[in-house]
Amino acid sequence: MSSSSSSNVRLCGWGHSVGMWMTWMLKNPRRRFLGCTNYNDEYINCGFFRWIDPQLSNKWYREKMYELRAQANGEDVMLDAPPPPTLLSIFMLMKPRLKLLFKILMNMVMSLELKVVELESSSS
């Protein structure tokens, strides 16, 4: 979160000043709120918090606002990132010789697992 100018008005019973802040989290990009100036300190934070701006109702617009700010700050943000590759997709991209080696290794692993299961069942 980043701070902006604030009028140091005392609103809480502890006498803490309240500042105006702006959040740039994905859920509430560019949304202003009033909060205790000690919000980072768990011991002296009075807990005062109040939204100034309404939440953006359009999820696409919220995500675009977040992405644009990240790009302006030189950050790499990909909200629509593709899912991580699966073992099958990696296998399909392998060269034929590597596929053959992979199949041989998998067969060896499977045969070892079967032998372990047989040994466990015979010892019972």
C-alpha atoms as a PDB file:
ATOM      1  CA  MET A   1       0.000   0.000   0.000  1.00  0.00           C
ATOM      2  CA  SER A   2       1.148   3.491  -0.576  1.00  0.00           C
ATOM      3  CA  SER A   3       0.319   6.581   1.383  1.00  0.00           C
ATOM      4  CA  SER A   4      -0.882   9.880   0.072  1.00  0.00           C
ATOM      5  CA  SER A   5      -1.507  13.219   1.682  1.00  0.00           C
ATOM      6  CA  SER A   6      -3.595  13.070   4.789  1.00  0.00           C
ATOM      7  CA  SER A   7      -5.234  15.441   7.177  1.00  0.00           C
ATOM      8  CA  ASN A   8      -4.103  14.291  10.616  1.00  0.00           C
ATOM      9  CA  VAL A   9      -7.496  14.197  12.282  1.00  0.00           C
ATOM     10  CA  ARG A  10      -7.793  12.280  15.552  1.00  0.00           C
ATOM     11  CA  LEU A  11     -10.718   9.895  15.338  1.00  0.00           C
ATOM     12  CA  CYS A  12      -9.981   7.074  17.732  1.00  0.00           C
ATOM     13  CA  GLY A  13     -10.108   6.813  21.491  1.00  0.00           C
ATOM     14  CA  TRP A  14      -6.375   6.142  21.613  1.00  0.00           C
ATOM     15  CA  GLY A  15      -5.638   9.522  20.039  1.00  0.00           C
ATOM     16  CA  HIS A  16      -3.997   8.120  16.916  1.00  0.00           C
ATOM     17  CA  SER A  17      -4.148  10.154  13.755  1.00  0.00           C
ATOM     18  CA  VAL A  18      -5.947   8.757  10.750  1.00  0.00           C
ATOM     19  CA  GLY A  19      -4.496   9.019   7.241  1.00  0.00           C
ATOM     20  CA  MET A  20      -5.836   8.488   3.757  1.00  0.00           C
ATOM     21  CA  TRP A  21      -4.238   5.532   2.004  1.00  0.00           C
ATOM     22  CA  MET A  22      -4.598   3.812  -1.359  1.00  0.00           C
ATOM     23  CA  THR A  23      -4.449   0.074  -1.843  1.00  0.00           C
ATOM     24  CA  TRP A  24      -3.034  -1.552  -4.960  1.00  0.00           C
ATOM     25  CA  MET A  25      -3.953  -5.125  -4.097  1.00  0.00           C
ATOM     26  CA  LEU A  26      -5.564  -7.215  -6.844  1.00  0.00           C
ATOM     27  CA  LYS A  27      -8.940  -7.271  -5.105  1.00  0.00           C
ATOM     28  CA  ASN A  28      -9.085  -3.466  -4.654  1.00  0.00           C
ATOM     29  CA  PRO A  29      -6.707  -1.669  -7.041  1.00  0.00           C
ATOM     30  CA  ARG A  30      -6.590   2.135  -6.645  1.00  0.00           C
ATOM     31  CA  ARG A  31      -9.176   2.100  -3.868  1.00  0.00           C
ATOM     32  CA  ARG A  32      -8.740   4.774  -1.194  1.00  0.00           C
ATOM     33  CA  PHE A  33      -9.441   4.289   2.495  1.00  0.00           C
ATOM     34  CA  LEU A  34      -9.000   5.984   5.836  1.00  0.00           C
ATOM     35  CA  GLY A  35      -6.913   4.114   8.339  1.00  0.00           C
ATOM     36  CA  CYS A  36      -4.797   4.407  11.410  1.00  0.00           C
ATOM     37  CA  THR A  37      -1.357   5.780  10.575  1.00  0.00           C
ATOM     38  CA  ASN A  38       0.045   3.004  12.776  1.00  0.00           C
ATOM     39  CA  TYR A  39      -1.528   0.162  10.749  1.00  0.00           C
ATOM     40  CA  ASN A  40       1.869  -1.544  10.318  1.00  0.00           C
ATOM     41  CA  ASP A  41       2.464  -1.732  14.075  1.00  0.00           C
ATOM     42  CA  GLU A  42       0.454  -4.511  15.717  1.00  0.00           C
ATOM     43  CA  TYR A  43       0.920  -3.000  19.194  1.00  0.00           C
ATOM     44  CA  ILE A  44      -0.253   0.592  18.620  1.00  0.00           C
ATOM     45  CA  ASN A  45      -2.656   0.164  15.686  1.00  0.00           C
ATOM     46  CA  CYS A  46      -6.095   1.274  16.845  1.00  0.00           C
ATOM     47  CA  GLY A  47      -7.764  -0.766  14.107  1.00  0.00           C
ATOM     48  CA  PHE A  48      -9.598   2.177  12.543  1.00  0.00           C
ATOM     49  CA  PHE A  49     -10.443   1.454   8.896  1.00  0.00           C
ATOM     50  CA  ARG A  50     -13.058   2.875   6.527  1.00  0.00           C
ATOM     51  CA  TRP A  51     -13.319   2.674   2.722  1.00  0.00           C
ATOM     52  CA  ILE A  52     -13.685   5.990   0.878  1.00  0.00           C
ATOM     53  CA  ASP A  53     -14.181   4.630  -2.645  1.00  0.00           C
ATOM     54  CA  PRO A  54     -16.670   1.898  -3.562  1.00  0.00           C
ATOM     55  CA  GLN A  55     -15.285  -1.401  -4.833  1.00  0.00           C
ATOM     56  CA  LEU A  56     -15.046  -1.753  -8.602  1.00  0.00           C
ATOM     57  CA  SER A  57     -17.748  -4.220  -9.543  1.00  0.00           C
ATOM     58  CA  ASN A  58     -16.166  -5.363 -12.802  1.00  0.00           C
ATOM     59  CA  LYS A  59     -13.515  -8.049 -12.208  1.00  0.00           C
ATOM     60  CA  TRP A  60     -11.931  -7.521 -15.642  1.00  0.00           C
ATOM     61  CA  TYR A  61     -11.526  -3.778 -14.957  1.00  0.00           C
ATOM     62  CA  ARG A  62      -9.977  -4.453 -11.526  1.00  0.00           C
ATOM     63  CA  GLU A  63      -7.464  -6.876 -13.041  1.00  0.00           C
ATOM     64  CA  LYS A  64      -6.556  -4.453 -15.849  1.00  0.00           C
ATOM     65  CA  MET A  65      -6.015  -1.599 -13.362  1.00  0.00           C
ATOM     66  CA  TYR A  66      -3.737  -3.880 -11.322  1.00  0.00           C
ATOM     67  CA  GLU A  67      -1.805  -5.032 -14.415  1.00  0.00           C
ATOM     68  CA  LEU A  68      -1.325  -1.490 -15.729  1.00  0.00           C
ATOM     69  CA  ARG A  69       0.135  -0.267 -12.441  1.00  0.00           C
ATOM     70  CA  ALA A  70       2.419  -3.288 -12.246  1.00  0.00           C
ATOM     71  CA  GLN A  71       3.630  -2.657 -15.800  1.00  0.00           C
ATOM     72  CA  ALA A  72       4.188   1.045 -15.027  1.00  0.00           C
ATOM     73  CA  ASN A  73       6.376  -0.014 -12.074  1.00  0.00           C
ATOM     74  CA  GLY A  74       8.318  -2.481 -14.230  1.00  0.00           C
ATOM     75  CA  GLU A  75       6.854  -5.550 -12.542  1.00  0.00           C
ATOM     76  CA  ASP A  76       6.045  -8.751 -14.397  1.00  0.00           C
ATOM     77  CA  VAL A  77       2.433  -9.670 -13.704  1.00  0.00           C
ATOM     78  CA  MET A  78       0.502 -12.274 -15.660  1.00  0.00           C
ATOM     79  CA  LEU A  79      -2.954 -12.811 -14.232  1.00  0.00           C
ATOM     80  CA  ASP A  80      -4.051 -14.928 -17.175  1.00  0.00           C
ATOM     81  CA  ALA A  81      -0.977 -17.151 -16.953  1.00  0.00           C
ATOM     82  CA  PRO A  82      -1.283 -20.590 -18.490  1.00  0.00           C
ATOM     83  CA  PRO A  83      -1.479 -23.507 -16.080  1.00  0.00           C
ATOM     84  CA  PRO A  84       1.785 -25.309 -15.284  1.00  0.00           C
ATOM     85  CA  PRO A  85       2.681 -28.061 -17.749  1.00  0.00           C
ATOM     86  CA  THR A  86       1.506 -31.567 -17.034  1.00  0.00           C
ATOM     87  CA  LEU A  87       3.667 -34.653 -17.341  1.00  0.00           C
ATOM     88  CA  LEU A  88       1.737 -35.645 -20.473  1.00  0.00           C
ATOM     89  CA  SER A  89       2.286 -32.264 -22.160  1.00  0.00           C
ATOM     90  CA  ILE A  90       6.015 -32.459 -21.398  1.00  0.00           C
ATOM     91  CA  PHE A  91       6.123 -36.017 -22.746  1.00  0.00           C
ATOM     92  CA  MET A  92       4.441 -34.946 -25.983  1.00  0.00           C
ATOM     93  CA  LEU A  93       7.149 -32.312 -26.577  1.00  0.00           C
ATOM     94  CA  MET A  94      10.022 -34.776 -26.120  1.00  0.00           C
ATOM     95  CA  LYS A  95      12.139 -35.983 -29.011  1.00  0.00           C
ATOM     96  CA  PRO A  96      11.521 -39.638 -30.073  1.00  0.00           C
ATOM     97  CA  ARG A  97      14.711 -41.036 -28.469  1.00  0.00           C
ATOM     98  CA  LEU A  98      13.973 -39.233 -25.213  1.00  0.00           C
ATOM     99  CA  LYS A  99      10.408 -40.599 -25.290  1.00  0.00           C
ATOM    100  CA  LEU A 100      11.786 -44.117 -25.629  1.00  0.00           C
ATOM    101  CA  LEU A 101      14.149 -43.606 -22.695  1.00  0.00           C
ATOM    102  CA  PHE A 102      11.286 -42.182 -20.625  1.00  0.00           C
ATOM    103  CA  LYS A 103       9.078 -45.199 -21.416  1.00  0.00           C
ATOM    104  CA  ILE A 104      11.872 -47.599 -20.433  1.00  0.00           C
ATOM    105  CA  LEU A 105      12.422 -45.781 -17.132  1.00  0.00           C
ATOM    106  CA  MET A 106       8.708 -45.728 -16.363  1.00  0.00           C
ATOM    107  CA  ASN A 107       8.448 -49.475 -17.062  1.00  0.00           C
ATOM    108  CA  MET A 108      11.366 -50.109 -14.699  1.00  0.00           C
ATOM    109  CA  VAL A 109       9.732 -48.034 -11.970  1.00  0.00           C
ATOM    110  CA  MET A 110       6.401 -49.798 -12.428  1.00  0.00           C
ATOM    111  CA  SER A 111       8.032 -53.252 -12.262  1.00  0.00           C
ATOM    112  CA  LEU A 112       9.872 -52.268  -9.067  1.00  0.00           C
ATOM    113  CA  GLU A 113       6.626 -51.041  -7.517  1.00  0.00           C
ATOM    114  CA  LEU A 114       4.944 -54.352  -8.392  1.00  0.00           C
ATOM    115  CA  LYS A 115       7.792 -56.312  -6.795  1.00  0.00           C
ATOM    116  CA  VAL A 116       7.515 -54.241  -3.616  1.00  0.00           C
ATOM    117  CA  VAL A 117       3.764 -54.873  -3.478  1.00  0.00           C
ATOM    118  CA  GLU A 118       4.327 -58.604  -4.019  1.00  0.00           C
ATOM    119  CA  LEU A 119       6.918 -58.727  -1.246  1.00  0.00           C
ATOM    120  CA  GLU A 120       4.643 -56.838   1.139  1.00  0.00           C
ATOM    121  CA  SER A 121       1.699 -59.154   0.433  1.00  0.00           C
ATOM    122  CA  SER A 122       3.787 -62.326   0.782  1.00  0.00           C
ATOM    123  CA  SER A 123       5.263 -61.218   4.124  1.00  0.00           C
ATOM    124  CA  SER A 124       1.804 -60.658   5.629  1.00  0.00           C
END
